[in-house]
PDB file of N, CA and C in Angstrom:
ATOM      1  N   MET A   1     -22.439   4.820 -14.777  1.00  0.00           N
ATOM      2  CA  MET A   1     -22.176   3.932 -13.663  1.00  0.00           C
ATOM      3  C   MET A   1     -23.393   3.020 -13.499  1.00  0.00           C
ATOM      4  N   LEU A   2     -23.140   1.731 -13.348  1.00  0.00           N
ATOM      5  CA  LEU A   2     -24.220   0.774 -13.131  1.00  0.00           C
ATOM      6  C   LEU A   2     -24.910   1.034 -11.803  1.00  0.00           C
ATOM      7  N   GLU A   3     -26.188   0.702 -11.735  1.00  0.00           N
ATOM      8  CA  GLU A   3     -26.978   0.924 -10.516  1.00  0.00           C
ATOM      9  C   GLU A   3     -26.335   0.242  -9.304  1.00  0.00           C
ATOM     10  N   SER A   4     -25.845  -0.989  -9.480  1.00  0.00           N
ATOM     11  CA  SER A   4     -25.220  -1.707  -8.356  1.00  0.00           C
ATOM     12  C   SER A   4     -23.922  -1.023  -7.923  1.00  0.00           C
ATOM     13  N   ASP A   5     -23.148  -0.523  -8.881  1.00  0.00           N
ATOM     14  CA  ASP A   5     -21.915   0.203  -8.558  1.00  0.00           C
ATOM     15  C   ASP A   5     -22.228   1.515  -7.847  1.00  0.00           C
ATOM     16  N   LEU A   6     -23.279   2.193  -8.293  1.00  0.00           N
ATOM     17  CA  LEU A   6     -23.696   3.451  -7.681  1.00  0.00           C
ATOM     18  C   LEU A   6     -24.082   3.220  -6.217  1.00  0.00           C
ATOM     19  N   LYS A   7     -24.878   2.193  -5.961  1.00  0.00           N
ATOM     20  CA  LYS A   7     -25.297   1.891  -4.591  1.00  0.00           C
ATOM     21  C   LYS A   7     -24.094   1.555  -3.714  1.00  0.00           C
ATOM     22  N   GLN A   8     -23.172   0.779  -4.252  1.00  0.00           N
ATOM     23  CA  GLN A   8     -21.970   0.391  -3.498  1.00  0.00           C
ATOM     24  C   GLN A   8     -21.099   1.619  -3.211  1.00  0.00           C
ATOM     25  N   THR A   9     -20.947   2.490  -4.175  1.00  0.00           N
ATOM     26  CA  THR A   9     -20.146   3.699  -3.998  1.00  0.00           C
ATOM     27  C   THR A   9     -20.781   4.627  -2.967  1.00  0.00           C
ATOM     28  N   ILE A  10     -22.076   4.810  -3.047  1.00  0.00           N
ATOM     29  CA  ILE A  10     -22.774   5.671  -2.085  1.00  0.00           C
ATOM     30  C   ILE A  10     -22.668   5.094  -0.672  1.00  0.00           C
ATOM     31  N   ALA A  11     -22.824   3.783  -0.541  1.00  0.00           N
ATOM     32  CA  ALA A  11     -22.691   3.142   0.775  1.00  0.00           C
ATOM     33  C   ALA A  11     -21.289   3.366   1.338  1.00  0.00           C
ATOM     34  N   PHE A  12     -20.265   3.269   0.484  1.00  0.00           N
ATOM     35  CA  PHE A  12     -18.887   3.514   0.921  1.00  0.00           C
ATOM     36  C   PHE A  12     -18.718   4.967   1.365  1.00  0.00           C
ATOM     37  N   LEU A  13     -19.189   5.910   0.535  1.00  0.00           N
ATOM     38  CA  LEU A  13     -19.018   7.327   0.854  1.00  0.00           C
ATOM     39  C   LEU A  13     -19.749   7.720   2.139  1.00  0.00           C
ATOM     40  N   LYS A  14     -20.896   7.115   2.416  1.00  0.00           N
ATOM     41  CA  LYS A  14     -21.630   7.425   3.643  1.00  0.00           C
ATOM     42  C   LYS A  14     -20.827   7.046   4.896  1.00  0.00           C
ATOM     43  N   GLU A  15     -19.874   6.118   4.761  1.00  0.00           N
ATOM     44  CA  GLU A  15     -19.028   5.701   5.879  1.00  0.00           C
ATOM     45  C   GLU A  15     -17.792   6.592   6.032  1.00  0.00           C
ATOM     46  N   VAL A  16     -17.511   7.412   5.025  1.00  0.00           N
ATOM     47  CA  VAL A  16     -16.380   8.343   5.070  1.00  0.00           C
ATOM     48  C   VAL A  16     -16.829   9.580   5.845  1.00  0.00           C
ATOM     49  N   PRO A  17     -16.141   9.935   6.928  1.00  0.00           N
ATOM     50  CA  PRO A  17     -16.585  11.075   7.745  1.00  0.00           C
ATOM     51  C   PRO A  17     -16.882  12.345   6.954  1.00  0.00           C
ATOM     52  N   PHE A  18     -16.086  12.669   5.958  1.00  0.00           N
ATOM     53  CA  PHE A  18     -16.275  13.889   5.177  1.00  0.00           C
ATOM     54  C   PHE A  18     -17.652  13.924   4.504  1.00  0.00           C
ATOM     55  N   PHE A  19     -18.151  12.753   4.098  1.00  0.00           N
ATOM     56  CA  PHE A  19     -19.411  12.663   3.353  1.00  0.00           C
ATOM     57  C   PHE A  19     -20.580  12.151   4.193  1.00  0.00           C
ATOM     58  N   SER A  20     -20.358  11.848   5.458  1.00  0.00           N
ATOM     59  CA  SER A  20     -21.357  11.149   6.271  1.00  0.00           C
ATOM     60  C   SER A  20     -22.687  11.889   6.425  1.00  0.00           C
ATOM     61  N   GLU A  21     -22.691  13.184   6.343  1.00  0.00           N
ATOM     62  CA  GLU A  21     -23.939  13.931   6.521  1.00  0.00           C
ATOM     63  C   GLU A  21     -24.485  14.509   5.214  1.00  0.00           C
ATOM     64  N   ILE A  22     -23.913  14.072   4.104  1.00  0.00           N
ATOM     65  CA  ILE A  22     -24.379  14.518   2.786  1.00  0.00           C
ATOM     66  C   ILE A  22     -25.625  13.717   2.418  1.00  0.00           C
ATOM     67  N   SER A  23     -26.619  14.366   1.858  1.00  0.00           N
ATOM     68  CA  SER A  23     -27.862  13.685   1.491  1.00  0.00           C
ATOM     69  C   SER A  23     -27.634  12.666   0.373  1.00  0.00           C
ATOM     70  N   GLN A  24     -28.519  11.688   0.318  1.00  0.00           N
ATOM     71  CA  GLN A  24     -28.482  10.668  -0.736  1.00  0.00           C
ATOM     72  C   GLN A  24     -28.517  11.326  -2.112  1.00  0.00           C
ATOM     73  N   GLU A  25     -29.377  12.306  -2.278  1.00  0.00           N
ATOM     74  CA  GLU A  25     -29.510  13.007  -3.553  1.00  0.00           C
ATOM     75  C   GLU A  25     -28.197  13.687  -3.954  1.00  0.00           C
ATOM     76  N   SER A  26     -27.542  14.334  -3.010  1.00  0.00           N
ATOM     77  CA  SER A  26     -26.265  14.999  -3.299  1.00  0.00           C
ATOM     78  C   SER A  26     -25.177  13.992  -3.630  1.00  0.00           C
ATOM     79  N   LEU A  27     -25.170  12.863  -2.944  1.00  0.00           N
ATOM     80  CA  LEU A  27     -24.173  11.833  -3.248  1.00  0.00           C
ATOM     81  C   LEU A  27     -24.386  11.255  -4.638  1.00  0.00           C
ATOM     82  N   ILE A  28     -25.635  11.068  -5.024  1.00  0.00           N
ATOM     83  CA  ILE A  28     -25.923  10.592  -6.378  1.00  0.00           C
ATOM     84  C   ILE A  28     -25.401  11.597  -7.392  1.00  0.00           C
ATOM     85  N   HIS A  29     -25.650  12.870  -7.152  1.00  0.00           N
ATOM     86  CA  HIS A  29     -25.168  13.920  -8.056  1.00  0.00           C
ATOM     87  C   HIS A  29     -23.626  13.928  -8.097  1.00  0.00           C
ATOM     88  N   LEU A  30     -22.987  13.786  -6.952  1.00  0.00           N
ATOM     89  CA  LEU A  30     -21.522  13.729  -6.889  1.00  0.00           C
ATOM     90  C   LEU A  30     -20.987  12.574  -7.731  1.00  0.00           C
ATOM     91  N   CYS A  31     -21.655  11.438  -7.668  1.00  0.00           N
ATOM     92  CA  CYS A  31     -21.189  10.250  -8.388  1.00  0.00           C
ATOM     93  C   CYS A  31     -21.279  10.406  -9.906  1.00  0.00           C
ATOM     94  N   GLU A  32     -22.060  11.378 -10.378  1.00  0.00           N
ATOM     95  CA  GLU A  32     -22.142  11.630 -11.819  1.00  0.00           C
ATOM     96  C   GLU A  32     -20.796  12.082 -12.381  1.00  0.00           C
ATOM     97  N   ASP A  33     -19.978  12.751 -11.552  1.00  0.00           N
ATOM     98  CA  ASP A  33     -18.680  13.265 -12.000  1.00  0.00           C
ATOM     99  C   ASP A  33     -17.500  12.512 -11.371  1.00  0.00           C
ATOM    100  N   LEU A  34     -17.775  11.374 -10.784  1.00  0.00           N
ATOM    101  CA  LEU A  34     -16.750  10.606 -10.086  1.00  0.00           C
ATOM    102  C   LEU A  34     -15.860   9.858 -11.062  1.00  0.00           C
ATOM    103  N   ASN A  35     -14.563   9.850 -10.801  1.00  0.00           N
ATOM    104  CA  ASN A  35     -13.608   9.067 -11.588  1.00  0.00           C
ATOM    105  C   ASN A  35     -12.881   8.106 -10.667  1.00  0.00           C
ATOM    106  N   TYR A  36     -12.746   6.872 -11.096  1.00  0.00           N
ATOM    107  CA  TYR A  36     -11.950   5.893 -10.366  1.00  0.00           C
ATOM    108  C   TYR A  36     -10.560   5.863 -10.982  1.00  0.00           C
ATOM    109  N   GLU A  37      -9.554   5.845 -10.135  1.00  0.00           N
ATOM    110  CA  GLU A  37      -8.175   5.749 -10.613  1.00  0.00           C
ATOM    111  C   GLU A  37      -7.452   4.658  -9.842  1.00  0.00           C
ATOM    112  N   ILE A  38      -6.673   3.884 -10.542  1.00  0.00           N
ATOM    113  CA  ILE A  38      -5.806   2.915  -9.893  1.00  0.00           C
ATOM    114  C   ILE A  38      -4.396   3.489  -9.961  1.00  0.00           C
ATOM    115  N   ILE A  39      -3.824   3.704  -8.796  1.00  0.00           N
ATOM    116  CA  ILE A  39      -2.482   4.273  -8.713  1.00  0.00           C
ATOM    117  C   ILE A  39      -1.514   3.145  -8.357  1.00  0.00           C
ATOM    118  N   GLU A  40      -0.526   2.956  -9.177  1.00  0.00           N
ATOM    119  CA  GLU A  40       0.461   1.910  -8.939  1.00  0.00           C
ATOM    120  C   GLU A  40       1.310   2.236  -7.712  1.00  0.00           C
ATOM    121  N   GLN A  41       1.741   1.217  -7.033  1.00  0.00           N
ATOM    122  CA  GLN A  41       2.602   1.386  -5.860  1.00  0.00           C
ATOM    123  C   GLN A  41       3.849   2.186  -6.230  1.00  0.00           C
ATOM    124  N   ASN A  42       4.241   3.089  -5.334  1.00  0.00           N
ATOM    125  CA  ASN A  42       5.410   3.960  -5.488  1.00  0.00           C
ATOM    126  C   ASN A  42       5.255   5.004  -6.602  1.00  0.00           C
ATOM    127  N   SER A  43       4.024   5.276  -7.005  1.00  0.00           N
ATOM    128  CA  SER A  43       3.755   6.327  -7.987  1.00  0.00           C
ATOM    129  C   SER A  43       3.289   7.578  -7.254  1.00  0.00           C
ATOM    130  N   SER A  44       3.513   8.728  -7.852  1.00  0.00           N
ATOM    131  CA  SER A  44       3.042   9.989  -7.278  1.00  0.00           C
ATOM    132  C   SER A  44       1.645  10.294  -7.785  1.00  0.00           C
ATOM    133  N   ILE A  45       0.788  10.743  -6.879  1.00  0.00           N
ATOM    134  CA  ILE A  45      -0.551  11.163  -7.262  1.00  0.00           C
ATOM    135  C   ILE A  45      -0.491  12.620  -7.690  1.00  0.00           C
ATOM    136  N   PHE A  46       0.192  13.433  -6.904  1.00  0.00           N
ATOM    137  CA  PHE A  46       0.535  14.791  -7.291  1.00  0.00           C
ATOM    138  C   PHE A  46       1.750  15.211  -6.492  1.00  0.00           C
ATOM    139  N   LYS A  47       2.395  16.246  -6.957  1.00  0.00           N
ATOM    140  CA  LYS A  47       3.621  16.730  -6.325  1.00  0.00           C
ATOM    141  C   LYS A  47       3.407  18.123  -5.756  1.00  0.00           C
ATOM    142  N   LYS A  48       4.247  18.478  -4.807  1.00  0.00           N
ATOM    143  CA  LYS A  48       4.207  19.806  -4.204  1.00  0.00           C
ATOM    144  C   LYS A  48       4.258  20.859  -5.313  1.00  0.00           C
ATOM    145  N   GLY A  49       3.336  21.807  -5.243  1.00  0.00           N
ATOM    146  CA  GLY A  49       3.287  22.874  -6.243  1.00  0.00           C
ATOM    147  C   GLY A  49       2.302  22.607  -7.368  1.00  0.00           C
ATOM    148  N   ASP A  50       1.808  21.352  -7.505  1.00  0.00           N
ATOM    149  CA  ASP A  50       0.811  21.067  -8.531  1.00  0.00           C
ATOM    150  C   ASP A  50      -0.476  21.816  -8.219  1.00  0.00           C
ATOM    151  N   PHE A  51      -1.214  22.166  -9.257  1.00  0.00           N
ATOM    152  CA  PHE A  51      -2.493  22.834  -9.097  1.00  0.00           C
ATOM    153  C   PHE A  51      -3.481  21.863  -8.458  1.00  0.00           C
ATOM    154  N   GLY A  52      -4.134  22.269  -7.386  1.00  0.00           N
ATOM    155  CA  GLY A  52      -5.071  21.406  -6.673  1.00  0.00           C
ATOM    156  C   GLY A  52      -6.455  21.452  -7.263  1.00  0.00           C
ATOM    157  N   ASP A  53      -6.766  20.534  -8.168  1.00  0.00           N
ATOM    158  CA  ASP A  53      -8.070  20.556  -8.826  1.00  0.00           C
ATOM    159  C   ASP A  53      -8.892  19.298  -8.576  1.00  0.00           C
ATOM    160  N   ALA A  54      -8.488  18.487  -7.606  1.00  0.00           N
ATOM    161  CA  ALA A  54      -9.211  17.243  -7.356  1.00  0.00           C
ATOM    162  C   ALA A  54      -9.161  16.884  -5.874  1.00  0.00           C
ATOM    163  N   MET A  55     -10.092  16.040  -5.503  1.00  0.00           N
ATOM    164  CA  MET A  55     -10.115  15.476  -4.161  1.00  0.00           C
ATOM    165  C   MET A  55     -10.118  13.966  -4.324  1.00  0.00           C
ATOM    166  N   TYR A  56      -9.416  13.275  -3.463  1.00  0.00           N
ATOM    167  CA  TYR A  56      -9.298  11.827  -3.540  1.00  0.00           C
ATOM    168  C   TYR A  56      -9.846  11.184  -2.271  1.00  0.00           C
ATOM    169  N   VAL A  57     -10.475  10.023  -2.435  1.00  0.00           N
ATOM    170  CA  VAL A  57     -10.897   9.192  -1.315  1.00  0.00           C
ATOM    171  C   VAL A  57     -10.273   7.827  -1.557  1.00  0.00           C
ATOM    172  N   ILE A  58      -9.596   7.304  -0.564  1.00  0.00           N
ATOM    173  CA  ILE A  58      -8.899   6.032  -0.719  1.00  0.00           C
ATOM    174  C   ILE A  58      -9.883   4.879  -0.543  1.00  0.00           C
ATOM    175  N   LEU A  59     -10.012   4.052  -1.585  1.00  0.00           N
ATOM    176  CA  LEU A  59     -10.874   2.869  -1.537  1.00  0.00           C
ATOM    177  C   LEU A  59     -10.132   1.661  -0.986  1.00  0.00           C
ATOM    178  N   SER A  60      -8.848   1.566  -1.286  1.00  0.00           N
ATOM    179  CA  SER A  60      -8.025   0.469  -0.758  1.00  0.00           C
ATOM    180  C   SER A  60      -6.566   0.894  -0.801  1.00  0.00           C
ATOM    181  N   GLY A  61      -5.766   0.259   0.030  1.00  0.00           N
ATOM    182  CA  GLY A  61      -4.343   0.557   0.074  1.00  0.00           C
ATOM    183  C   GLY A  61      -4.022   1.723   0.992  1.00  0.00           C
ATOM    184  N   LYS A  62      -2.822   2.250   0.834  1.00  0.00           N
ATOM    185  CA  LYS A  62      -2.341   3.364   1.648  1.00  0.00           C
ATOM    186  C   LYS A  62      -1.641   4.384   0.766  1.00  0.00           C
ATOM    187  N   VAL A  63      -1.624   5.625   1.240  1.00  0.00           N
ATOM    188  CA  VAL A  63      -0.929   6.709   0.546  1.00  0.00           C
ATOM    189  C   VAL A  63       0.025   7.354   1.535  1.00  0.00           C
ATOM    190  N   LYS A  64       1.266   7.510   1.110  1.00  0.00           N
ATOM    191  CA  LYS A  64       2.271   8.174   1.947  1.00  0.00           C
ATOM    192  C   LYS A  64       2.322   9.644   1.560  1.00  0.00           C
ATOM    193  N   VAL A  65       2.207  10.514   2.555  1.00  0.00           N
ATOM    194  CA  VAL A  65       2.304  11.961   2.338  1.00  0.00           C
ATOM    195  C   VAL A  65       3.703  12.365   2.758  1.00  0.00           C
ATOM    196  N   HIS A  66       4.494  12.810   1.777  1.00  0.00           N
ATOM    197  CA  HIS A  66       5.894  13.107   2.094  1.00  0.00           C
ATOM    198  C   HIS A  66       6.431  14.216   1.204  1.00  0.00           C
ATOM    199  N   ASP A  67       7.527  14.791   1.637  1.00  0.00           N
ATOM    200  CA  ASP A  67       8.293  15.746   0.853  1.00  0.00           C
ATOM    201  C   ASP A  67       9.730  15.253   0.906  1.00  0.00           C
ATOM    202  N   LYS A  68      10.168  14.707  -0.198  1.00  0.00           N
ATOM    203  CA  LYS A  68      11.468  14.043  -0.268  1.00  0.00           C
ATOM    204  C   LYS A  68      11.521  12.943   0.785  1.00  0.00           C
ATOM    205  N   LYS A  69      12.420  13.006   1.737  1.00  0.00           N
ATOM    206  CA  LYS A  69      12.544  11.932   2.724  1.00  0.00           C
ATOM    207  C   LYS A  69      11.723  12.157   3.994  1.00  0.00           C
ATOM    208  N   HIS A  70      11.121  13.362   4.119  1.00  0.00           N
ATOM    209  CA  HIS A  70      10.319  13.640   5.314  1.00  0.00           C
ATOM    210  C   HIS A  70       8.903  13.105   5.116  1.00  0.00           C
ATOM    211  N   ILE A  71       8.482  12.170   5.968  1.00  0.00           N
ATOM    212  CA  ILE A  71       7.142  11.597   5.892  1.00  0.00           C
ATOM    213  C   ILE A  71       6.237  12.323   6.883  1.00  0.00           C
ATOM    214  N   TYR A  72       5.152  12.905   6.355  1.00  0.00           N
ATOM    215  CA  TYR A  72       4.197  13.619   7.192  1.00  0.00           C
ATOM    216  C   TYR A  72       3.131  12.691   7.759  1.00  0.00           C
ATOM    217  N   ASP A  73       2.673  11.747   6.934  1.00  0.00           N
ATOM    218  CA  ASP A  73       1.571  10.896   7.363  1.00  0.00           C
ATOM    219  C   ASP A  73       1.394   9.745   6.380  1.00  0.00           C
ATOM    220  N   HIS A  74       0.613   8.767   6.795  1.00  0.00           N
ATOM    221  CA  HIS A  74       0.145   7.694   5.923  1.00  0.00           C
ATOM    222  C   HIS A  74      -1.377   7.730   5.971  1.00  0.00           C
ATOM    223  N   LEU A  75      -2.024   7.742   4.820  1.00  0.00           N
ATOM    224  CA  LEU A  75      -3.478   7.759   4.732  1.00  0.00           C
ATOM    225  C   LEU A  75      -3.946   6.383   4.268  1.00  0.00           C
ATOM    226  N   SER A  76      -5.159   5.994   4.688  1.00  0.00           N
ATOM    227  CA  SER A  76      -5.661   4.675   4.303  1.00  0.00           C
ATOM    228  C   SER A  76      -7.149   4.741   3.968  1.00  0.00           C
ATOM    229  N   VAL A  77      -7.777   3.595   3.831  1.00  0.00           N
ATOM    230  CA  VAL A  77      -9.158   3.481   3.369  1.00  0.00           C
ATOM    231  C   VAL A  77     -10.082   4.465   4.085  1.00  0.00           C
ATOM    232  N   GLY A  78     -10.822   5.231   3.270  1.00  0.00           N
ATOM    233  CA  GLY A  78     -11.782   6.190   3.799  1.00  0.00           C
ATOM    234  C   GLY A  78     -11.217   7.580   4.019  1.00  0.00           C
ATOM    235  N   ASP A  79      -9.901   7.714   3.976  1.00  0.00           N
ATOM    236  CA  ASP A  79      -9.299   9.040   4.131  1.00  0.00           C
ATOM    237  C   ASP A  79      -9.470   9.836   2.836  1.00  0.00           C
ATOM    238  N   CYS A  80      -9.709  11.129   2.992  1.00  0.00           N
ATOM    239  CA  CYS A  80      -9.860  12.051   1.866  1.00  0.00           C
ATOM    240  C   CYS A  80      -8.651  12.972   1.835  1.00  0.00           C
ATOM    241  N   PHE A  81      -8.230  13.325   0.639  1.00  0.00           N
ATOM    242  CA  PHE A  81      -7.130  14.285   0.541  1.00  0.00           C
ATOM    243  C   PHE A  81      -7.122  14.942  -0.827  1.00  0.00           C
ATOM    244  N   GLY A  82      -6.462  16.074  -0.885  1.00  0.00           N
ATOM    245  CA  GLY A  82      -6.234  16.819  -2.094  1.00  0.00           C
ATOM    246  C   GLY A  82      -5.102  17.783  -1.766  1.00  0.00           C
ATOM    247  N   GLU A  83      -4.555  18.435  -2.761  1.00  0.00           N
ATOM    248  CA  GLU A  83      -3.410  19.299  -2.499  1.00  0.00           C
ATOM    249  C   GLU A  83      -3.723  20.362  -1.462  1.00  0.00           C
ATOM    250  N   TYR A  84      -4.868  21.034  -1.596  1.00  0.00           N
ATOM    251  CA  TYR A  84      -5.189  22.104  -0.643  1.00  0.00           C
ATOM    252  C   TYR A  84      -5.410  21.563   0.763  1.00  0.00           C
ATOM    253  N   ALA A  85      -6.010  20.399   0.888  1.00  0.00           N
ATOM    254  CA  ALA A  85      -6.233  19.806   2.213  1.00  0.00           C
ATOM    255  C   ALA A  85      -4.903  19.473   2.881  1.00  0.00           C
ATOM    256  N   LEU A  86      -3.938  19.030   2.119  1.00  0.00           N
ATOM    257  CA  LEU A  86      -2.643  18.674   2.688  1.00  0.00           C
ATOM    258  C   LEU A  86      -1.874  19.916   3.117  1.00  0.00           C
ATOM    259  N   ILE A  87      -2.049  21.017   2.404  1.00  0.00           N
ATOM    260  CA  ILE A  87      -1.386  22.268   2.768  1.00  0.00           C
ATOM    261  C   ILE A  87      -1.901  22.753   4.129  1.00  0.00           C
ATOM    262  N   ASP A  88      -3.218  22.635   4.351  1.00  0.00           N
ATOM    263  CA  ASP A  88      -3.818  23.066   5.609  1.00  0.00           C
ATOM    264  C   ASP A  88      -3.318  22.217   6.753  1.00  0.00           C
TER     265      ASP A  88
END
């Protein structure tokens, strides 16, 4: 990751409540394993029953949390989620 991208990512994460009290050093370490994904509109990120092995932070757009036609919530920029978090 480029130094400018790293600084921008850390600045973004510091504004996310989940990461707001994490030290700069820990955020740098976290960014070593960070993956960016672009999810196309109306695509599934994961489905009910999938193994929960990742956590997501929304950089832009919205994510609909639903089971078939039942909508539980809409998540947006700065929201964090993963399969286990949604189960809770």
